[in-house]
Structure formats: C-alpha cells, structure tokens
Protein backbone atom coordinates (compact mmCIF):
# COMPACT_ATOMS: atom_id res chain seq x y z
CA MET A 1 -16.90 -17.16 -5.62
CA MET A 2 -16.03 -17.83 -9.22
CA ASP A 3 -15.18 -14.23 -10.17
CA PRO A 4 -11.51 -13.58 -9.27
CA ALA A 5 -11.94 -9.80 -9.15
CA ARG A 6 -14.91 -9.97 -6.78
CA ALA A 7 -13.21 -12.63 -4.66
CA SER A 8 -10.12 -10.43 -4.33
CA GLN A 9 -12.21 -7.38 -3.43
CA ALA A 10 -14.09 -9.38 -0.80
CA PHE A 11 -10.88 -10.81 0.67
CA PHE A 12 -9.16 -7.43 0.94
CA GLY A 13 -12.31 -5.53 1.95
CA GLY A 14 -11.90 -1.91 2.94
CA ALA A 15 -13.46 0.67 0.64
CA GLY A 16 -13.61 -1.86 -2.23
CA ASN A 17 -15.59 -4.49 -0.29
CA PRO A 18 -18.46 -5.68 -2.51
CA ASN A 19 -20.34 -6.80 0.65
CA PRO A 20 -20.05 -3.82 3.01
CA GLY A 21 -21.55 -4.49 6.40
CA VAL A 22 -21.92 -8.20 5.63
CA THR A 23 -18.34 -9.46 5.37
CA ARG A 24 -15.03 -8.06 6.53
CA GLY A 25 -11.82 -8.21 4.60
CA LEU A 26 -8.18 -8.06 5.54
CA LEU A 27 -8.08 -4.25 5.51
CA ASP A 28 -10.97 -4.20 8.01
CA ILE A 29 -9.04 -6.21 10.62
CA PRO A 30 -7.02 -4.08 13.05
CA GLY A 31 -3.40 -5.16 13.33
CA TRP A 32 -3.38 -7.46 10.30
CA GLU A 33 0.03 -6.12 9.31
CA GLY A 34 1.57 -7.73 12.40
CA MET A 35 -0.06 -11.13 11.88
CA THR A 36 1.47 -14.16 10.26
CA VAL A 37 0.07 -15.03 6.85
CA THR A 38 -1.89 -17.88 8.44
CA GLN A 39 -3.34 -15.68 11.19
CA ALA A 40 -4.39 -13.02 8.68
CA ALA A 41 -5.99 -15.54 6.33
CA GLN A 42 -7.86 -17.14 9.22
CA ALA A 43 -9.06 -13.75 10.45
CA VAL A 44 -10.69 -13.19 7.06
CA GLN A 45 -11.77 -16.70 6.07
CA LEU A 46 -12.81 -18.07 9.50
CA SER A 47 -11.97 -21.60 8.46
CA ALA A 48 -12.71 -24.68 10.54
CA TYR A 49 -9.05 -25.54 9.88
CA PRO A 50 -7.20 -22.40 11.04
CA ASP A 51 -3.70 -23.74 10.39
CA TYR A 52 -4.47 -25.01 6.89
CA TYR A 53 -3.04 -21.94 5.17
CA ALA A 54 0.40 -22.35 6.74
CA LYS A 55 1.41 -25.23 4.49
CA TRP A 56 1.06 -23.00 1.41
CA GLU A 57 3.06 -20.00 2.64
CA THR A 58 6.48 -21.10 1.39
CA SER A 59 5.10 -21.94 -2.06
CA ALA A 60 3.11 -18.70 -2.24
CA ARG A 61 6.16 -16.62 -1.39
CA ALA A 62 8.19 -18.45 -4.06
CA TRP A 63 5.45 -17.89 -6.68
CA LEU A 64 5.21 -14.24 -5.76
CA SER A 65 8.96 -13.85 -6.11
CA GLU A 66 8.89 -15.50 -9.54
CA LEU A 67 5.90 -13.49 -10.76
CA GLY A 68 7.15 -10.20 -9.38
C-alpha cells in the first residue's frame, strides 16, 4: 500500500479496518498485548520470514523515543 493512512488502518484493524472481513489487524488478534513486537508483527503480516522484524525493534524504539 502506498497510502500511509490506509496502511496504518489496515495494520491496526479493529473498527477502522478498511478491509473488514478480508484482512485482520493487530487489534483483531487476541492476546497481542502479551506478544513480542516480532510476534505481533508476524501475526498481522504473515511473512515468510517471521523473525525479520526483530532486527528493527531496537531502532524503532529509539526512533519512537526521539519522536515522542
């Protein structure tokens, strides 16, 4: 997806899911709060490389801290 707003809505899902009944987002996955970042991302994205997200977690947390 090239539209950041739509991509975000699809990733998070729930009531704002632009593809209801077709895709599931993070908010549609029971227990996501107790998952690692990598497990949660994989639960949504269903990547062929399930551990790929792990290498970005430290950087993402640092960026989030900087951006507030």
